[in-house]
Amino acid sequence: MRGDASHSGDAPHEHDAPRTCSSRTCSGRTCSLRCRHDRTPRHPRSRRDRPAKPALTREGIVAAAVAVLRAEGLAKVTMRRLAQELDTGPASLYVYVRNTAELHAAVLDELLGTVGAAPAPEEGDWRARLEGVLTAYVRMLHAHPSLARSALTARPSGPHYLNLIETLLALLDEGGVPPERAAWGVDLLLQHATATAAEHSARGATAAGQRDAGTGADPRSDADWDALTRALHGARDTTHPHIAALAGPLLSGAPEERLAWGLRAVISGIAHTPVPGAD
């Protein structure tokens, strides 16, 4: 019967209400009914189909941004793209990063951690070691051409950027450069190094740069370079005598050679040029 509370083998009708066991001899665990004798603990089952998301942190956001940069280029490092990557809403990211410009600066600071500290004194004099640190900085930017162009205007303020500034100042101090010249000189050194990296990244000078996805390498840059080469070599000595005489040297030298010479020239200039009102 429908009201029978015993262990009947009759299959309930699909519209019948669930039956409840009231047998005194029921052990509970093997009963197929809703049994008051079953003492098996009930554990709530989550309605989520996947594990809970990890809590958002600034470090996690920056790490995700670096991953997107390496895979897709800096143009894809946006709040919306990161929100998709982190499975959250864009508004949640603004709690940790004010805007895209700050995010790009944080990405630059994170990658500055790969530049490393200054070489040990036994690896060369202070000028050579200063050149080595700046060359490592340029190579890091070469590996990420879109970031190299952004670094011209980015304003990082993180720990790795501060470490880089401290390293440059320490090496200039080791060389006896007056403090005021060193303070102004650090900015000039980084400007030169960053501009060099940005120029070569625009021309796709390195294989690493060509691998940087999403950089939007502009084929016009190669065409412009070819046009400049033709113009310099085609200069007439009647109108542009100095260009005509130096067309070859104007275009000579490998990028690494020009970088090294430029850094040495800037370092020498810093060491010998007084700061107005300070020296």
C-alpha atoms as a PDB file:
ATOM      1  CA  MET A   1       0.000   0.000   0.000  1.00  0.00           C
ATOM      2  CA  ARG A   2       0.999   3.606  -0.564  1.00  0.00           C
ATOM      3  CA  GLY A   3       0.945   4.375   3.149  1.00  0.00           C
ATOM      4  CA  ASP A   4       2.921   1.246   4.181  1.00  0.00           C
ATOM      5  CA  ALA A   5       6.126   2.264   5.946  1.00  0.00           C
ATOM      6  CA  SER A   6       7.715  -1.216   5.810  1.00  0.00           C
ATOM      7  CA  HIS A   7      10.499  -2.294   3.408  1.00  0.00           C
ATOM      8  CA  SER A   8       8.230  -3.087   0.521  1.00  0.00           C
ATOM      9  CA  GLY A   9       9.783  -4.081  -2.778  1.00  0.00           C
ATOM     10  CA  ASP A  10       7.053  -2.267  -4.712  1.00  0.00           C
ATOM     11  CA  ALA A  11       8.509   0.499  -6.921  1.00  0.00           C
ATOM     12  CA  PRO A  12       6.931   3.834  -6.041  1.00  0.00           C
ATOM     13  CA  HIS A  13       4.963   5.693  -8.641  1.00  0.00           C
ATOM     14  CA  GLU A  14       6.913   8.652 -10.094  1.00  0.00           C
ATOM     15  CA  HIS A  15       4.362  11.058  -8.615  1.00  0.00           C
ATOM     16  CA  ASP A  16       4.389   9.457  -5.137  1.00  0.00           C
ATOM     17  CA  ALA A  17       5.914  11.424  -2.270  1.00  0.00           C
ATOM     18  CA  PRO A  18       9.208   9.964  -0.930  1.00  0.00           C
ATOM     19  CA  ARG A  19       8.610   7.272   1.665  1.00  0.00           C
ATOM     20  CA  THR A  20      10.178   7.347   5.110  1.00  0.00           C
ATOM     21  CA  CYS A  21      11.409   4.247   6.913  1.00  0.00           C
ATOM     22  CA  SER A  22      10.076   3.688  10.463  1.00  0.00           C
ATOM     23  CA  SER A  23      11.174   0.090  10.946  1.00  0.00           C
ATOM     24  CA  ARG A  24      12.670  -0.658  14.355  1.00  0.00           C
ATOM     25  CA  THR A  25      14.942  -3.327  12.895  1.00  0.00           C
ATOM     26  CA  CYS A  26      16.388  -1.161  10.129  1.00  0.00           C
ATOM     27  CA  SER A  27      20.157  -0.620  10.326  1.00  0.00           C
ATOM     28  CA  GLY A  28      19.858   2.524   8.282  1.00  0.00           C
ATOM     29  CA  ARG A  29      22.933   2.204   6.074  1.00  0.00           C
ATOM     30  CA  THR A  30      21.416  -0.226   3.556  1.00  0.00           C
ATOM     31  CA  CYS A  31      17.913   1.171   3.596  1.00  0.00           C
ATOM     32  CA  SER A  32      16.763   2.554   0.264  1.00  0.00           C
ATOM     33  CA  LEU A  33      14.236   4.853   1.918  1.00  0.00           C
ATOM     34  CA  ARG A  34      14.695   8.180   3.664  1.00  0.00           C
ATOM     35  CA  CYS A  35      15.660   6.631   6.963  1.00  0.00           C
ATOM     36  CA  ARG A  36      15.779   8.221  10.404  1.00  0.00           C
ATOM     37  CA  HIS A  37      18.089   5.410  11.559  1.00  0.00           C
ATOM     38  CA  ASP A  38      20.899   6.303   9.156  1.00  0.00           C
ATOM     39  CA  ARG A  39      23.601   8.096  11.135  1.00  0.00           C
ATOM     40  CA  THR A  40      25.909   8.574   8.127  1.00  0.00           C
ATOM     41  CA  PRO A  41      27.106  12.215   8.249  1.00  0.00           C
ATOM     42  CA  ARG A  42      25.713  14.440   5.549  1.00  0.00           C
ATOM     43  CA  HIS A  43      28.295  16.707   3.796  1.00  0.00           C
ATOM     44  CA  PRO A  44      26.977  19.689   1.868  1.00  0.00           C
ATOM     45  CA  ARG A  45      27.808  19.533  -1.824  1.00  0.00           C
ATOM     46  CA  SER A  46      29.019  22.711  -3.481  1.00  0.00           C
ATOM     47  CA  ARG A  47      26.979  23.945  -6.377  1.00  0.00           C
ATOM     48  CA  ARG A  48      30.164  25.180  -8.113  1.00  0.00           C
ATOM     49  CA  ASP A  49      31.431  23.040 -10.958  1.00  0.00           C
ATOM     50  CA  ARG A  50      35.050  24.125 -10.339  1.00  0.00           C
ATOM     51  CA  PRO A  51      37.283  24.937  -7.370  1.00  0.00           C
ATOM     52  CA  ALA A  52      37.073  28.320  -5.733  1.00  0.00           C
ATOM     53  CA  LYS A  53      39.141  31.021  -7.431  1.00  0.00           C
ATOM     54  CA  PRO A  54      42.313  32.152  -5.656  1.00  0.00           C
ATOM     55  CA  ALA A  55      42.131  35.570  -4.064  1.00  0.00           C
ATOM     56  CA  LEU A  56      43.224  38.470  -6.237  1.00  0.00           C
ATOM     57  CA  THR A  57      46.527  40.118  -5.386  1.00  0.00           C
ATOM     58  CA  ARG A  58      48.609  42.782  -7.093  1.00  0.00           C
ATOM     59  CA  GLU A  59      51.419  40.259  -7.507  1.00  0.00           C
ATOM     60  CA  GLY A  60      49.083  37.778  -9.174  1.00  0.00           C
ATOM     61  CA  ILE A  61      47.707  40.424 -11.514  1.00  0.00           C
ATOM     62  CA  VAL A  62      51.198  41.511 -12.565  1.00  0.00           C
ATOM     63  CA  ALA A  63      52.264  37.891 -13.091  1.00  0.00           C
ATOM     64  CA  ALA A  64      49.252  37.332 -15.346  1.00  0.00           C
ATOM     65  CA  ALA A  65      50.078  40.537 -17.230  1.00  0.00           C
ATOM     66  CA  VAL A  66      53.643  39.353 -17.850  1.00  0.00           C
ATOM     67  CA  ALA A  67      52.314  36.041 -19.173  1.00  0.00           C
ATOM     68  CA  VAL A  68      49.977  37.850 -21.573  1.00  0.00           C
ATOM     69  CA  LEU A  69      52.837  40.118 -22.692  1.00  0.00           C
ATOM     70  CA  ARG A  70      55.027  37.154 -23.538  1.00  0.00           C
ATOM     71  CA  ALA A  71      52.263  35.319 -25.365  1.00  0.00           C
ATOM     72  CA  GLU A  72      50.386  38.137 -27.086  1.00  0.00           C
ATOM     73  CA  GLY A  73      52.326  41.406 -26.777  1.00  0.00           C
ATOM     74  CA  LEU A  74      51.838  44.527 -24.692  1.00  0.00           C
ATOM     75  CA  ALA A  75      48.854  45.729 -26.718  1.00  0.00           C
ATOM     76  CA  LYS A  76      46.852  42.844 -25.254  1.00  0.00           C
ATOM     77  CA  VAL A  77      47.787  43.682 -21.667  1.00  0.00           C
ATOM     78  CA  THR A  78      44.532  45.434 -20.806  1.00  0.00           C
ATOM     79  CA  MET A  79      42.237  45.329 -17.810  1.00  0.00           C
ATOM     80  CA  ARG A  80      39.591  43.518 -19.831  1.00  0.00           C
ATOM     81  CA  ARG A  81      42.045  40.891 -21.081  1.00  0.00           C
ATOM     82  CA  LEU A  82      43.449  40.304 -17.597  1.00  0.00           C
ATOM     83  CA  ALA A  83      39.972  40.050 -16.124  1.00  0.00           C
ATOM     84  CA  GLN A  84      39.279  37.281 -18.624  1.00  0.00           C
ATOM     85  CA  GLU A  85      42.551  35.570 -17.737  1.00  0.00           C
ATOM     86  CA  LEU A  86      41.852  35.778 -13.996  1.00  0.00           C
ATOM     87  CA  ASP A  87      38.162  34.901 -14.304  1.00  0.00           C
ATOM     88  CA  THR A  88      36.906  38.096 -12.703  1.00  0.00           C
ATOM     89  CA  GLY A  89      35.424  41.438 -13.663  1.00  0.00           C
ATOM     90  CA  PRO A  90      37.577  44.365 -14.853  1.00  0.00           C
ATOM     91  CA  ALA A  91      36.316  46.505 -11.976  1.00  0.00           C
ATOM     92  CA  SER A  92      37.892  44.101  -9.487  1.00  0.00           C
ATOM     93  CA  LEU A  93      41.358  44.820 -10.877  1.00  0.00           C
ATOM     94  CA  TYR A  94      41.158  48.550 -10.243  1.00  0.00           C
ATOM     95  CA  VAL A  95      41.339  47.856  -6.518  1.00  0.00           C
ATOM     96  CA  TYR A  96      44.957  46.811  -7.065  1.00  0.00           C
ATOM     97  CA  VAL A  97      46.027  48.757 -10.189  1.00  0.00           C
ATOM     98  CA  ARG A  98      44.761  52.261 -10.962  1.00  0.00           C
ATOM     99  CA  ASN A  99      44.906  52.111 -14.758  1.00  0.00           C
ATOM    100  CA  THR A 100      46.571  50.481 -17.751  1.00  0.00           C
ATOM    101  CA  ALA A 101      49.550  52.844 -17.608  1.00  0.00           C
ATOM    102  CA  GLU A 102      50.304  51.765 -14.046  1.00  0.00           C
ATOM    103  CA  LEU A 103      49.849  48.146 -15.082  1.00  0.00           C
ATOM    104  CA  HIS A 104      52.379  48.499 -17.920  1.00  0.00           C
ATOM    105  CA  ALA A 105      54.824  50.193 -15.553  1.00  0.00           C
ATOM    106  CA  ALA A 106      54.400  47.306 -13.113  1.00  0.00           C
ATOM    107  CA  VAL A 107      55.105  44.819 -15.910  1.00  0.00           C
ATOM    108  CA  LEU A 108      58.280  46.719 -16.774  1.00  0.00           C
ATOM    109  CA  ASP A 109      59.346  46.692 -13.133  1.00  0.00           C
ATOM    110  CA  GLU A 110      58.740  42.947 -12.895  1.00  0.00           C
ATOM    111  CA  LEU A 111      60.947  42.261 -15.915  1.00  0.00           C
ATOM    112  CA  LEU A 112      63.647  44.557 -14.553  1.00  0.00           C
ATOM    113  CA  GLY A 113      64.147  41.846 -11.964  1.00  0.00           C
ATOM    114  CA  THR A 114      65.797  39.775 -14.717  1.00  0.00           C
ATOM    115  CA  VAL A 115      68.486  42.398 -15.348  1.00  0.00           C
ATOM    116  CA  GLY A 116      70.432  41.392 -12.258  1.00  0.00           C
ATOM    117  CA  ALA A 117      72.868  43.196 -10.028  1.00  0.00           C
ATOM    118  CA  ALA A 118      76.140  44.799 -11.031  1.00  0.00           C
ATOM    119  CA  PRO A 119      79.019  42.448 -11.880  1.00  0.00           C
ATOM    120  CA  ALA A 120      81.619  41.938  -9.172  1.00  0.00           C
ATOM    121  CA  PRO A 121      84.593  44.353  -9.104  1.00  0.00           C
ATOM    122  CA  GLU A 122      86.968  41.650 -10.329  1.00  0.00           C
ATOM    123  CA  GLU A 123      84.981  41.468 -13.572  1.00  0.00           C
ATOM    124  CA  GLY A 124      86.134  44.894 -14.736  1.00  0.00           C
ATOM    125  CA  ASP A 125      86.441  48.534 -13.788  1.00  0.00           C
ATOM    126  CA  TRP A 126      83.407  50.585 -12.855  1.00  0.00           C
ATOM    127  CA  ARG A 127      82.843  51.835 -16.404  1.00  0.00           C
ATOM    128  CA  ALA A 128      82.832  48.335 -17.871  1.00  0.00           C
ATOM    129  CA  ARG A 129      80.476  47.061 -15.180  1.00  0.00           C
ATOM    130  CA  LEU A 130      78.163  50.041 -15.612  1.00  0.00           C
ATOM    131  CA  GLU A 131      78.098  49.352 -19.333  1.00  0.00           C
ATOM    132  CA  GLY A 132      77.315  45.697 -18.587  1.00  0.00           C
ATOM    133  CA  VAL A 133      74.285  46.531 -16.436  1.00  0.00           C
ATOM    134  CA  LEU A 134      72.880  48.894 -19.056  1.00  0.00           C
ATOM    135  CA  THR A 135      73.513  46.380 -21.837  1.00  0.00           C
ATOM    136  CA  ALA A 136      71.556  43.762 -19.877  1.00  0.00           C
ATOM    137  CA  TYR A 137      68.731  46.296 -19.535  1.00  0.00           C
ATOM    138  CA  VAL A 138      68.691  46.907 -23.290  1.00  0.00           C
ATOM    139  CA  ARG A 139      68.692  43.177 -24.034  1.00  0.00           C
ATOM    140  CA  MET A 140      65.712  42.679 -21.747  1.00  0.00           C
ATOM    141  CA  LEU A 141      63.814  45.333 -23.698  1.00  0.00           C
ATOM    142  CA  HIS A 142      64.966  43.826 -27.007  1.00  0.00           C
ATOM    143  CA  ALA A 143      63.245  40.606 -25.973  1.00  0.00           C
ATOM    144  CA  HIS A 144      59.935  42.491 -25.688  1.00  0.00           C
ATOM    145  CA  PRO A 145      59.829  45.134 -28.462  1.00  0.00           C
ATOM    146  CA  SER A 146      56.380  46.454 -27.581  1.00  0.00           C
ATOM    147  CA  LEU A 147      57.530  46.982 -24.000  1.00  0.00           C
ATOM    148  CA  ALA A 148      60.662  48.779 -25.238  1.00  0.00           C
ATOM    149  CA  ARG A 149      58.531  51.408 -26.941  1.00  0.00           C
ATOM    150  CA  SER A 150      56.270  51.733 -23.914  1.00  0.00           C
ATOM    151  CA  ALA A 151      59.293  52.131 -21.615  1.00  0.00           C
ATOM    152  CA  LEU A 152      60.013  55.517 -23.197  1.00  0.00           C
ATOM    153  CA  THR A 153      57.065  56.953 -21.274  1.00  0.00           C
ATOM    154  CA  ALA A 154      56.480  54.388 -18.510  1.00  0.00           C
ATOM    155  CA  ARG A 155      57.142  55.473 -14.933  1.00  0.00           C
ATOM    156  CA  PRO A 156      57.911  52.352 -12.895  1.00  0.00           C
ATOM    157  CA  SER A 157      58.277  52.771  -9.154  1.00  0.00           C
ATOM    158  CA  GLY A 158      58.591  49.193  -7.952  1.00  0.00           C
ATOM    159  CA  PRO A 159      61.423  47.466  -6.098  1.00  0.00           C
ATOM    160  CA  HIS A 160      63.271  46.240  -9.197  1.00  0.00           C
ATOM    161  CA  TYR A 161      63.401  49.730 -10.683  1.00  0.00           C
ATOM    162  CA  LEU A 162      64.726  51.108  -7.404  1.00  0.00           C
ATOM    163  CA  ASN A 163      67.366  48.362  -7.359  1.00  0.00           C
ATOM    164  CA  LEU A 164      68.463  49.344 -10.867  1.00  0.00           C
ATOM    165  CA  ILE A 165      68.759  53.017  -9.911  1.00  0.00           C
ATOM    166  CA  GLU A 166      70.703  52.088  -6.779  1.00  0.00           C
ATOM    167  CA  THR A 167      73.097  49.935  -8.811  1.00  0.00           C
ATOM    168  CA  LEU A 168      73.768  52.700 -11.347  1.00  0.00           C
ATOM    169  CA  LEU A 169      74.335  55.293  -8.629  1.00  0.00           C
ATOM    170  CA  ALA A 170      76.694  52.972  -6.745  1.00  0.00           C
ATOM    171  CA  LEU A 171      78.818  52.367  -9.842  1.00  0.00           C
ATOM    172  CA  LEU A 172      79.000  56.082 -10.659  1.00  0.00           C
ATOM    173  CA  ASP A 173      79.988  56.759  -7.061  1.00  0.00           C
ATOM    174  CA  GLU A 174      82.677  54.097  -7.298  1.00  0.00           C
ATOM    175  CA  GLY A 175      84.059  55.962 -10.299  1.00  0.00           C
ATOM    176  CA  GLY A 176      84.288  59.194  -8.351  1.00  0.00           C
ATOM    177  CA  VAL A 177      81.466  60.934 -10.221  1.00  0.00           C
ATOM    178  CA  PRO A 178      80.131  63.802  -8.065  1.00  0.00           C
ATOM    179  CA  PRO A 179      76.706  63.020  -6.538  1.00  0.00           C
ATOM    180  CA  GLU A 180      74.805  65.699  -8.484  1.00  0.00           C
ATOM    181  CA  ARG A 181      76.229  64.517 -11.809  1.00  0.00           C
ATOM    182  CA  ALA A 182      75.434  60.923 -10.901  1.00  0.00           C
ATOM    183  CA  ALA A 183      71.840  61.837  -9.993  1.00  0.00           C
ATOM    184  CA  TRP A 184      71.250  63.587 -13.310  1.00  0.00           C
ATOM    185  CA  GLY A 185      73.346  61.071 -15.193  1.00  0.00           C
ATOM    186  CA  VAL A 186      71.246  58.054 -14.240  1.00  0.00           C
ATOM    187  CA  ASP A 187      68.259  59.547 -16.024  1.00  0.00           C
ATOM    188  CA  LEU A 188      70.364  60.272 -19.119  1.00  0.00           C
ATOM    189  CA  LEU A 189      71.817  56.762 -19.180  1.00  0.00           C
ATOM    190  CA  LEU A 190      68.398  55.123 -18.979  1.00  0.00           C
ATOM    191  CA  GLN A 191      66.991  57.471 -21.615  1.00  0.00           C
ATOM    192  CA  HIS A 192      69.783  56.544 -24.021  1.00  0.00           C
ATOM    193  CA  ALA A 193      69.499  52.817 -23.328  1.00  0.00           C
ATOM    194  CA  THR A 194      65.698  52.818 -23.622  1.00  0.00           C
ATOM    195  CA  ALA A 195      65.686  54.859 -26.834  1.00  0.00           C
ATOM    196  CA  THR A 196      68.265  52.519 -28.359  1.00  0.00           C
ATOM    197  CA  ALA A 197      66.149  49.480 -27.511  1.00  0.00           C
ATOM    198  CA  ALA A 198      62.985  51.139 -28.836  1.00  0.00           C
ATOM    199  CA  GLU A 199      64.679  52.122 -32.109  1.00  0.00           C
ATOM    200  CA  HIS A 200      65.945  48.631 -32.819  1.00  0.00           C
ATOM    201  CA  SER A 201      62.669  47.017 -31.762  1.00  0.00           C
ATOM    202  CA  ALA A 202      60.813  49.210 -34.250  1.00  0.00           C
ATOM    203  CA  ARG A 203      63.049  47.889 -37.020  1.00  0.00           C
ATOM    204  CA  GLY A 204      62.672  44.300 -35.810  1.00  0.00           C
ATOM    205  CA  ALA A 205      66.422  44.127 -35.279  1.00  0.00           C
ATOM    206  CA  THR A 206      66.465  40.906 -33.257  1.00  0.00           C
ATOM    207  CA  ALA A 207      64.972  37.478 -33.673  1.00  0.00           C
ATOM    208  CA  ALA A 208      63.664  37.742 -30.136  1.00  0.00           C
ATOM    209  CA  GLY A 209      61.776  40.837 -31.150  1.00  0.00           C
ATOM    210  CA  GLN A 210      60.197  39.031 -34.064  1.00  0.00           C
ATOM    211  CA  ARG A 211      58.993  36.355 -31.648  1.00  0.00           C
ATOM    212  CA  ASP A 212      57.255  38.889 -29.436  1.00  0.00           C
ATOM    213  CA  ALA A 213      53.653  38.153 -30.374  1.00  0.00           C
ATOM    214  CA  GLY A 214      51.278  40.996 -30.997  1.00  0.00           C
ATOM    215  CA  THR A 215      53.903  43.721 -31.337  1.00  0.00           C
ATOM    216  CA  GLY A 216      52.541  44.856 -34.640  1.00  0.00           C
ATOM    217  CA  ALA A 217      55.963  45.009 -36.309  1.00  0.00           C
ATOM    218  CA  ASP A 218      55.532  47.706 -38.930  1.00  0.00           C
ATOM    219  CA  PRO A 219      56.933  46.772 -42.376  1.00  0.00           C
ATOM    220  CA  ARG A 220      57.151  50.507 -43.087  1.00  0.00           C
ATOM    221  CA  SER A 221      60.093  50.764 -40.679  1.00  0.00           C
ATOM    222  CA  ASP A 222      62.265  48.629 -42.972  1.00  0.00           C
ATOM    223  CA  ALA A 223      61.101  50.607 -45.977  1.00  0.00           C
ATOM    224  CA  ASP A 224      61.929  53.859 -44.203  1.00  0.00           C
ATOM    225  CA  TRP A 225      65.384  52.561 -43.313  1.00  0.00           C
ATOM    226  CA  ASP A 226      66.028  51.577 -46.930  1.00  0.00           C
ATOM    227  CA  ALA A 227      64.894  55.007 -48.082  1.00  0.00           C
ATOM    228  CA  LEU A 228      67.251  56.709 -45.614  1.00  0.00           C
ATOM    229  CA  THR A 229      70.142  54.539 -46.784  1.00  0.00           C
ATOM    230  CA  ARG A 230      69.539  55.510 -50.401  1.00  0.00           C
ATOM    231  CA  ALA A 231      69.215  59.181 -49.491  1.00  0.00           C
ATOM    232  CA  LEU A 232      72.503  59.265 -47.566  1.00  0.00           C
ATOM    233  CA  HIS A 233      74.446  57.435 -50.241  1.00  0.00           C
ATOM    234  CA  GLY A 234      72.864  59.615 -52.894  1.00  0.00           C
ATOM    235  CA  ALA A 235      73.816  62.914 -51.258  1.00  0.00           C
ATOM    236  CA  ARG A 236      75.841  65.198 -53.523  1.00  0.00           C
ATOM    237  CA  ASP A 237      79.060  66.743 -52.364  1.00  0.00           C
ATOM    238  CA  THR A 238      77.979  70.039 -53.886  1.00  0.00           C
ATOM    239  CA  THR A 239      74.996  70.404 -51.554  1.00  0.00           C
ATOM    240  CA  HIS A 240      75.779  68.079 -48.636  1.00  0.00           C
ATOM    241  CA  PRO A 241      79.552  67.563 -48.701  1.00  0.00           C
ATOM    242  CA  HIS A 242      79.843  66.165 -45.177  1.00  0.00           C
ATOM    243  CA  ILE A 243      77.083  63.606 -45.719  1.00  0.00           C
ATOM    244  CA  ALA A 244      78.602  62.606 -49.050  1.00  0.00           C
ATOM    245  CA  ALA A 245      81.967  62.038 -47.370  1.00  0.00           C
ATOM    246  CA  LEU A 246      80.596  60.146 -44.373  1.00  0.00           C
ATOM    247  CA  ALA A 247      77.654  58.198 -45.814  1.00  0.00           C
ATOM    248  CA  GLY A 248      79.405  54.915 -45.064  1.00  0.00           C
ATOM    249  CA  PRO A 249      80.344  55.672 -41.437  1.00  0.00           C
ATOM    250  CA  LEU A 250      76.894  57.149 -40.797  1.00  0.00           C
ATOM    251  CA  LEU A 251      75.412  53.697 -41.400  1.00  0.00           C
ATOM    252  CA  SER A 252      78.274  51.516 -40.210  1.00  0.00           C
ATOM    253  CA  GLY A 253      78.588  49.374 -37.113  1.00  0.00           C
ATOM    254  CA  ALA A 254      76.548  46.549 -35.655  1.00  0.00           C
ATOM    255  CA  PRO A 255      73.831  47.476 -33.145  1.00  0.00           C
ATOM    256  CA  GLU A 256      75.911  46.049 -30.287  1.00  0.00           C
ATOM    257  CA  GLU A 257      78.913  48.154 -31.281  1.00  0.00           C
ATOM    258  CA  ARG A 258      76.886  51.324 -31.510  1.00  0.00           C
ATOM    259  CA  LEU A 259      75.237  50.619 -28.152  1.00  0.00           C
ATOM    260  CA  ALA A 260      78.589  50.087 -26.434  1.00  0.00           C
ATOM    261  CA  TRP A 261      80.095  53.237 -27.966  1.00  0.00           C
ATOM    262  CA  GLY A 262      77.042  55.299 -27.089  1.00  0.00           C
ATOM    263  CA  LEU A 263      77.090  54.169 -23.465  1.00  0.00           C
ATOM    264  CA  ARG A 264      80.787  54.969 -23.146  1.00  0.00           C
ATOM    265  CA  ALA A 265      80.262  58.406 -24.647  1.00  0.00           C
ATOM    266  CA  VAL A 266      77.380  59.176 -22.279  1.00  0.00           C
ATOM    267  CA  ILE A 267      79.275  57.873 -19.240  1.00  0.00           C
ATOM    268  CA  SER A 268      82.305  60.001 -20.110  1.00  0.00           C
ATOM    269  CA  GLY A 269      80.102  63.033 -20.626  1.00  0.00           C
ATOM    270  CA  ILE A 270      78.416  62.575 -17.254  1.00  0.00           C
ATOM    271  CA  ALA A 271      81.770  62.242 -15.506  1.00  0.00           C
ATOM    272  CA  HIS A 272      83.120  65.476 -17.016  1.00  0.00           C
ATOM    273  CA  THR A 273      80.073  67.744 -17.349  1.00  0.00           C
ATOM    274  CA  PRO A 274      79.186  69.880 -14.301  1.00  0.00           C
ATOM    275  CA  VAL A 275      75.586  70.199 -13.166  1.00  0.00           C
ATOM    276  CA  PRO A 276      74.465  73.852 -13.225  1.00  0.00           C
ATOM    277  CA  GLY A 277      74.728  75.385  -9.778  1.00  0.00           C
ATOM    278  CA  ALA A 278      76.043  72.205  -8.170  1.00  0.00           C
ATOM    279  CA  ASP A 279      79.757  72.041  -9.055  1.00  0.00           C
END
